[in-house]
Amino acid sequence: QVQLVESGGGLAQPGGSLRLSCAASGFTFSRYDMSWYRQAPGKERELVATIHTTGSSTNYADSVKGRFTISKDNAKNTVYLQMNSLKSEDTAVYYCNVVLGIAKDYWGSGTLVTVSS
């Protein structure tokens, strides 16, 4: 079965950095785009970044452009989110996502990122 397991969340100071990882299994990782979403308290889940199957193309939410970098290692079946220059508004639960087809939308359980001094 499809599994997505996020890790790397925690407490960071404003201006600091964190690197999230998402280990994937149960599907052919190299054939699918991967995405990171986040959900802050009291807010809807939002798309943060997406990376193409080969890693050749990426897209970012305007709020994180220039600060976050998404990457993937097809040999390790893992997608990463490097987060730099963190702000308090980046505080959220971060989720890994893959869409394998119609009604085949899979999510990890999330990892909490808290940005606070």
N, C-alpha and C. Protein backbone atom coordinates (compact mmCIF):
# COMPACT_ATOMS: atom_id res chain seq x y z
N GLN A 1 0.83 -1.18 0.00
CA GLN A 1 0.00 0.00 0.00
C GLN A 1 0.88 1.25 0.00
N VAL A 2 0.28 2.35 -0.44
CA VAL A 2 1.02 3.61 -0.50
C VAL A 2 1.26 4.13 0.91
N GLN A 3 2.50 4.51 1.18
CA GLN A 3 2.84 5.13 2.46
C GLN A 3 3.72 6.34 2.20
N LEU A 4 3.42 7.41 2.92
CA LEU A 4 4.22 8.62 2.91
C LEU A 4 4.52 8.97 4.36
N VAL A 5 5.79 9.03 4.71
CA VAL A 5 6.18 9.28 6.10
C VAL A 5 7.08 10.51 6.16
N GLU A 6 6.54 11.56 6.76
CA GLU A 6 7.30 12.80 6.90
C GLU A 6 8.15 12.80 8.16
N SER A 7 9.25 13.54 8.11
CA SER A 7 10.10 13.73 9.28
C SER A 7 10.86 15.05 9.14
N GLY A 8 11.47 15.48 10.23
CA GLY A 8 12.31 16.67 10.18
C GLY A 8 11.69 17.92 10.76
N GLY A 9 10.45 17.85 11.16
CA GLY A 9 9.83 19.03 11.76
C GLY A 9 10.38 19.29 13.15
N GLY A 10 10.00 20.43 13.71
CA GLY A 10 10.46 20.79 15.05
C GLY A 10 10.37 22.28 15.27
N LEU A 11 11.10 22.73 16.25
CA LEU A 11 11.11 24.14 16.61
C LEU A 11 12.30 24.84 15.97
N ALA A 12 12.05 25.96 15.33
CA ALA A 12 13.11 26.76 14.75
C ALA A 12 12.89 28.22 15.11
N GLN A 13 13.96 28.96 15.20
CA GLN A 13 13.86 30.39 15.45
C GLN A 13 13.59 31.13 14.15
N PRO A 14 12.97 32.29 14.23
CA PRO A 14 12.82 33.12 13.02
C PRO A 14 14.17 33.35 12.36
N GLY A 15 14.21 33.18 11.04
CA GLY A 15 15.45 33.29 10.31
C GLY A 15 16.23 31.99 10.21
N GLY A 16 15.78 30.98 10.93
CA GLY A 16 16.46 29.70 10.94
C GLY A 16 16.04 28.81 9.78
N SER A 17 16.53 27.57 9.83
CA SER A 17 16.29 26.61 8.75
C SER A 17 15.87 25.26 9.31
N LEU A 18 15.11 24.55 8.51
CA LEU A 18 14.76 23.15 8.77
C LEU A 18 14.71 22.43 7.43
N ARG A 19 14.96 21.13 7.48
CA ARG A 19 14.83 20.30 6.27
C ARG A 19 13.86 19.18 6.55
N LEU A 20 12.78 19.16 5.80
CA LEU A 20 11.79 18.09 5.92
C LEU A 20 12.09 16.99 4.92
N SER A 21 11.77 15.77 5.30
CA SER A 21 11.92 14.62 4.42
C SER A 21 10.59 13.88 4.37
N CYS A 22 10.33 13.23 3.24
CA CYS A 22 9.15 12.39 3.08
C CYS A 22 9.59 11.11 2.38
N ALA A 23 9.56 10.01 3.11
CA ALA A 23 9.92 8.71 2.56
C ALA A 23 8.67 8.05 1.99
N ALA A 24 8.74 7.67 0.72
CA ALA A 24 7.58 7.12 0.02
C ALA A 24 7.77 5.64 -0.29
N SER A 25 6.68 4.92 -0.29
CA SER A 25 6.71 3.50 -0.66
C SER A 25 5.35 3.09 -1.19
N GLY A 26 5.33 1.96 -1.90
CA GLY A 26 4.07 1.43 -2.38
C GLY A 26 3.68 1.86 -3.78
N PHE A 27 4.52 2.66 -4.43
CA PHE A 27 4.26 3.07 -5.81
C PHE A 27 5.60 3.38 -6.47
N THR A 28 5.58 3.54 -7.78
CA THR A 28 6.82 3.83 -8.50
C THR A 28 7.13 5.32 -8.38
N PHE A 29 7.94 5.64 -7.40
CA PHE A 29 8.20 7.01 -7.00
C PHE A 29 8.65 7.89 -8.16
N SER A 30 9.50 7.37 -9.02
CA SER A 30 10.10 8.18 -10.08
C SER A 30 9.11 8.61 -11.15
N ARG A 31 7.92 8.07 -11.14
CA ARG A 31 6.94 8.36 -12.19
C ARG A 31 5.93 9.44 -11.82
N TYR A 32 6.01 9.97 -10.60
CA TYR A 32 4.98 10.89 -10.14
C TYR A 32 5.54 12.18 -9.58
N ASP A 33 4.79 13.26 -9.85
CA ASP A 33 5.08 14.52 -9.18
C ASP A 33 4.82 14.36 -7.69
N MET A 34 5.58 15.10 -6.89
CA MET A 34 5.39 15.08 -5.44
C MET A 34 5.18 16.51 -4.96
N SER A 35 4.38 16.63 -3.91
CA SER A 35 4.07 17.96 -3.39
C SER A 35 4.18 18.01 -1.88
N TRP A 36 4.43 19.22 -1.39
CA TRP A 36 4.34 19.53 0.04
C TRP A 36 3.18 20.52 0.21
N TYR A 37 2.36 20.25 1.20
CA TYR A 37 1.30 21.16 1.62
C TYR A 37 1.55 21.53 3.09
N ARG A 38 0.84 22.53 3.54
CA ARG A 38 0.88 22.86 4.96
C ARG A 38 -0.49 23.36 5.42
N GLN A 39 -0.72 23.20 6.70
CA GLN A 39 -1.97 23.69 7.30
C GLN A 39 -1.64 24.34 8.63
N ALA A 40 -1.87 25.64 8.68
CA ALA A 40 -1.66 26.40 9.91
C ALA A 40 -2.92 26.33 10.77
N PRO A 41 -2.80 26.56 12.07
CA PRO A 41 -3.97 26.51 12.95
C PRO A 41 -5.06 27.46 12.47
N GLY A 42 -6.27 26.93 12.33
CA GLY A 42 -7.40 27.73 11.93
C GLY A 42 -7.46 28.11 10.47
N LYS A 43 -6.57 27.54 9.67
CA LYS A 43 -6.53 27.87 8.25
C LYS A 43 -6.69 26.62 7.41
N GLU A 44 -7.01 26.84 6.13
CA GLU A 44 -7.12 25.71 5.21
C GLU A 44 -5.75 25.21 4.78
N ARG A 45 -5.72 23.97 4.38
CA ARG A 45 -4.48 23.41 3.86
C ARG A 45 -4.11 24.11 2.56
N GLU A 46 -2.83 24.43 2.40
CA GLU A 46 -2.39 25.12 1.19
C GLU A 46 -1.19 24.42 0.57
N LEU A 47 -1.10 24.54 -0.76
CA LEU A 47 0.02 23.97 -1.49
C LEU A 47 1.25 24.83 -1.29
N VAL A 48 2.36 24.19 -0.92
CA VAL A 48 3.61 24.90 -0.70
C VAL A 48 4.55 24.77 -1.90
N ALA A 49 4.72 23.54 -2.37
CA ALA A 49 5.66 23.31 -3.47
C ALA A 49 5.37 21.99 -4.14
N THR A 50 5.68 21.91 -5.45
CA THR A 50 5.53 20.69 -6.24
C THR A 50 6.79 20.49 -7.07
N ILE A 51 7.16 19.23 -7.22
CA ILE A 51 8.32 18.90 -8.05
C ILE A 51 7.91 17.84 -9.07
N HIS A 52 8.37 18.04 -10.31
CA HIS A 52 8.09 17.13 -11.41
C HIS A 52 8.80 15.79 -11.17
N THR A 53 8.33 14.78 -11.87
CA THR A 53 8.85 13.42 -11.72
C THR A 53 10.38 13.36 -11.73
N THR A 54 10.99 14.04 -12.69
CA THR A 54 12.45 13.96 -12.83
C THR A 54 13.18 14.99 -11.98
N GLY A 55 12.43 15.87 -11.36
CA GLY A 55 13.05 16.94 -10.59
C GLY A 55 13.45 18.13 -11.43
N SER A 56 13.12 18.11 -12.71
CA SER A 56 13.55 19.16 -13.62
C SER A 56 12.69 20.42 -13.53
N SER A 57 11.53 20.31 -12.90
CA SER A 57 10.63 21.45 -12.81
C SER A 57 10.03 21.52 -11.42
N THR A 58 9.97 22.73 -10.89
CA THR A 58 9.39 22.94 -9.57
C THR A 58 8.46 24.15 -9.59
N ASN A 59 7.51 24.16 -8.66
CA ASN A 59 6.62 25.29 -8.49
C ASN A 59 6.45 25.58 -7.01
N TYR A 60 6.31 26.86 -6.68
CA TYR A 60 6.23 27.26 -5.28
C TYR A 60 5.08 28.25 -5.06
N ALA A 61 4.53 28.21 -3.86
CA ALA A 61 3.62 29.27 -3.45
C ALA A 61 4.40 30.57 -3.36
N ASP A 62 3.73 31.66 -3.67
CA ASP A 62 4.41 32.96 -3.62
C ASP A 62 5.00 33.25 -2.24
N SER A 63 4.34 32.76 -1.21
CA SER A 63 4.76 33.05 0.16
C SER A 63 6.10 32.39 0.54
N VAL A 64 6.52 31.39 -0.23
CA VAL A 64 7.77 30.70 0.12
C VAL A 64 8.85 30.81 -0.96
N LYS A 65 8.53 31.43 -2.08
CA LYS A 65 9.51 31.55 -3.17
C LYS A 65 10.77 32.26 -2.69
N GLY A 66 11.91 31.67 -3.06
CA GLY A 66 13.19 32.24 -2.67
C GLY A 66 13.66 31.80 -1.30
N ARG A 67 12.79 31.14 -0.53
CA ARG A 67 13.17 30.69 0.81
C ARG A 67 13.14 29.17 0.93
N PHE A 68 12.21 28.53 0.24
CA PHE A 68 12.07 27.07 0.32
C PHE A 68 12.53 26.44 -0.98
N THR A 69 13.08 25.22 -0.87
CA THR A 69 13.50 24.46 -2.04
C THR A 69 13.02 23.03 -1.92
N ILE A 70 12.29 22.58 -2.92
CA ILE A 70 11.84 21.19 -2.96
C ILE A 70 12.78 20.40 -3.86
N SER A 71 13.08 19.18 -3.45
CA SER A 71 13.94 18.31 -4.26
C SER A 71 13.51 16.87 -4.03
N LYS A 72 13.96 15.99 -4.91
CA LYS A 72 13.63 14.58 -4.73
C LYS A 72 14.82 13.71 -5.13
N ASP A 73 14.92 12.58 -4.47
CA ASP A 73 15.95 11.59 -4.76
C ASP A 73 15.23 10.32 -5.17
N ASN A 74 15.19 10.07 -6.46
CA ASN A 74 14.45 8.90 -6.95
C ASN A 74 15.10 7.59 -6.53
N ALA A 75 16.39 7.61 -6.24
CA ALA A 75 17.07 6.40 -5.78
C ALA A 75 16.68 6.04 -4.35
N LYS A 76 16.32 7.06 -3.58
CA LYS A 76 15.95 6.84 -2.18
C LYS A 76 14.44 6.94 -1.94
N ASN A 77 13.68 7.19 -3.01
CA ASN A 77 12.21 7.34 -2.88
C ASN A 77 11.85 8.38 -1.83
N THR A 78 12.56 9.48 -1.87
CA THR A 78 12.38 10.52 -0.85
C THR A 78 12.28 11.90 -1.49
N VAL A 79 11.38 12.70 -0.96
CA VAL A 79 11.25 14.09 -1.37
C VAL A 79 11.57 14.97 -0.15
N TYR A 80 12.23 16.08 -0.42
CA TYR A 80 12.70 16.96 0.64
C TYR A 80 12.10 18.36 0.49
N LEU A 81 12.08 19.06 1.58
CA LEU A 81 11.73 20.48 1.56
C LEU A 81 12.72 21.22 2.46
N GLN A 82 13.64 21.94 1.83
CA GLN A 82 14.59 22.74 2.57
C GLN A 82 13.95 24.11 2.81
N MET A 83 13.85 24.47 4.07
CA MET A 83 13.18 25.71 4.45
C MET A 83 14.19 26.64 5.13
N ASN A 84 14.46 27.75 4.49
CA ASN A 84 15.39 28.75 5.02
C ASN A 84 14.65 30.05 5.34
N SER A 85 15.31 30.89 6.08
CA SER A 85 14.74 32.20 6.44
C SER A 85 13.32 32.06 6.96
N LEU A 86 13.15 31.14 7.89
CA LEU A 86 11.82 30.83 8.39
C LEU A 86 11.20 32.03 9.10
N LYS A 87 9.86 32.12 8.95
CA LYS A 87 9.09 33.18 9.57
C LYS A 87 8.04 32.55 10.48
N SER A 88 7.51 33.34 11.38
CA SER A 88 6.49 32.81 12.29
C SER A 88 5.28 32.30 11.51
N GLU A 89 4.99 32.93 10.39
CA GLU A 89 3.84 32.50 9.60
C GLU A 89 4.06 31.19 8.85
N ASP A 90 5.26 30.65 8.93
CA ASP A 90 5.51 29.32 8.37
C ASP A 90 5.11 28.22 9.35
N THR A 91 4.75 28.58 10.56
CA THR A 91 4.30 27.59 11.54
C THR A 91 3.07 26.86 11.04
N ALA A 92 3.17 25.54 10.95
CA ALA A 92 2.09 24.73 10.40
C ALA A 92 2.46 23.26 10.50
N VAL A 93 1.48 22.43 10.24
CA VAL A 93 1.76 21.01 10.00
C VAL A 93 2.01 20.85 8.50
N TYR A 94 3.12 20.24 8.17
CA TYR A 94 3.52 20.06 6.77
C TYR A 94 3.24 18.62 6.34
N TYR A 95 2.59 18.49 5.17
CA TYR A 95 2.18 17.19 4.66
C TYR A 95 2.81 16.91 3.30
N CYS A 96 3.17 15.67 3.11
CA CYS A 96 3.65 15.18 1.83
C CYS A 96 2.44 14.62 1.06
N ASN A 97 2.42 14.81 -0.25
CA ASN A 97 1.27 14.40 -1.06
C ASN A 97 1.70 13.83 -2.41
N VAL A 98 0.97 12.82 -2.85
CA VAL A 98 1.13 12.31 -4.21
C VAL A 98 -0.25 11.97 -4.76
N VAL A 99 -0.46 12.27 -6.03
CA VAL A 99 -1.70 11.93 -6.71
C VAL A 99 -1.37 10.89 -7.78
N LEU A 100 -1.89 9.71 -7.60
CA LEU A 100 -1.59 8.62 -8.51
C LEU A 100 -2.64 8.47 -9.61
N GLY A 101 -3.76 9.17 -9.47
CA GLY A 101 -4.81 9.09 -10.46
C GLY A 101 -6.10 9.64 -9.88
N ILE A 102 -7.19 9.47 -10.62
CA ILE A 102 -8.48 9.97 -10.14
C ILE A 102 -8.84 9.24 -8.86
N ALA A 103 -9.16 9.99 -7.84
CA ALA A 103 -9.54 9.45 -6.52
C ALA A 103 -8.40 8.65 -5.90
N LYS A 104 -7.18 8.93 -6.31
CA LYS A 104 -6.01 8.26 -5.73
C LYS A 104 -5.04 9.31 -5.22
N ASP A 105 -5.48 10.01 -4.19
CA ASP A 105 -4.76 11.13 -3.60
C ASP A 105 -4.29 10.67 -2.22
N TYR A 106 -2.97 10.66 -2.03
CA TYR A 106 -2.44 10.11 -0.79
C TYR A 106 -1.68 11.17 0.00
N TRP A 107 -1.79 11.05 1.34
CA TRP A 107 -1.19 12.01 2.25
C TRP A 107 -0.42 11.30 3.35
N GLY A 108 0.66 11.94 3.80
CA GLY A 108 1.30 11.48 5.01
C GLY A 108 0.54 12.00 6.22
N SER A 109 1.02 11.65 7.40
CA SER A 109 0.36 12.07 8.64
C SER A 109 0.80 13.46 9.09
N GLY A 110 1.84 13.98 8.45
CA GLY A 110 2.28 15.35 8.73
C GLY A 110 3.38 15.45 9.76
N THR A 111 4.11 16.55 9.67
CA THR A 111 5.14 16.87 10.65
C THR A 111 5.01 18.34 11.04
N LEU A 112 5.05 18.62 12.33
CA LEU A 112 4.80 19.96 12.83
C LEU A 112 6.06 20.82 12.79
N VAL A 113 5.93 21.99 12.20
CA VAL A 113 6.99 22.99 12.19
C VAL A 113 6.51 24.19 12.98
N THR A 114 7.28 24.56 13.99
CA THR A 114 6.96 25.72 14.81
C THR A 114 8.12 26.71 14.72
N VAL A 115 7.80 27.91 14.31
CA VAL A 115 8.82 28.96 14.20
C VAL A 115 8.53 30.00 15.28
N SER A 116 9.42 30.06 16.25
CA SER A 116 9.20 30.95 17.39
C SER A 116 10.52 31.24 18.08
N SER A 117 10.61 32.42 18.65
CA SER A 117 11.80 32.76 19.41
C SER A 117 11.60 32.43 20.89
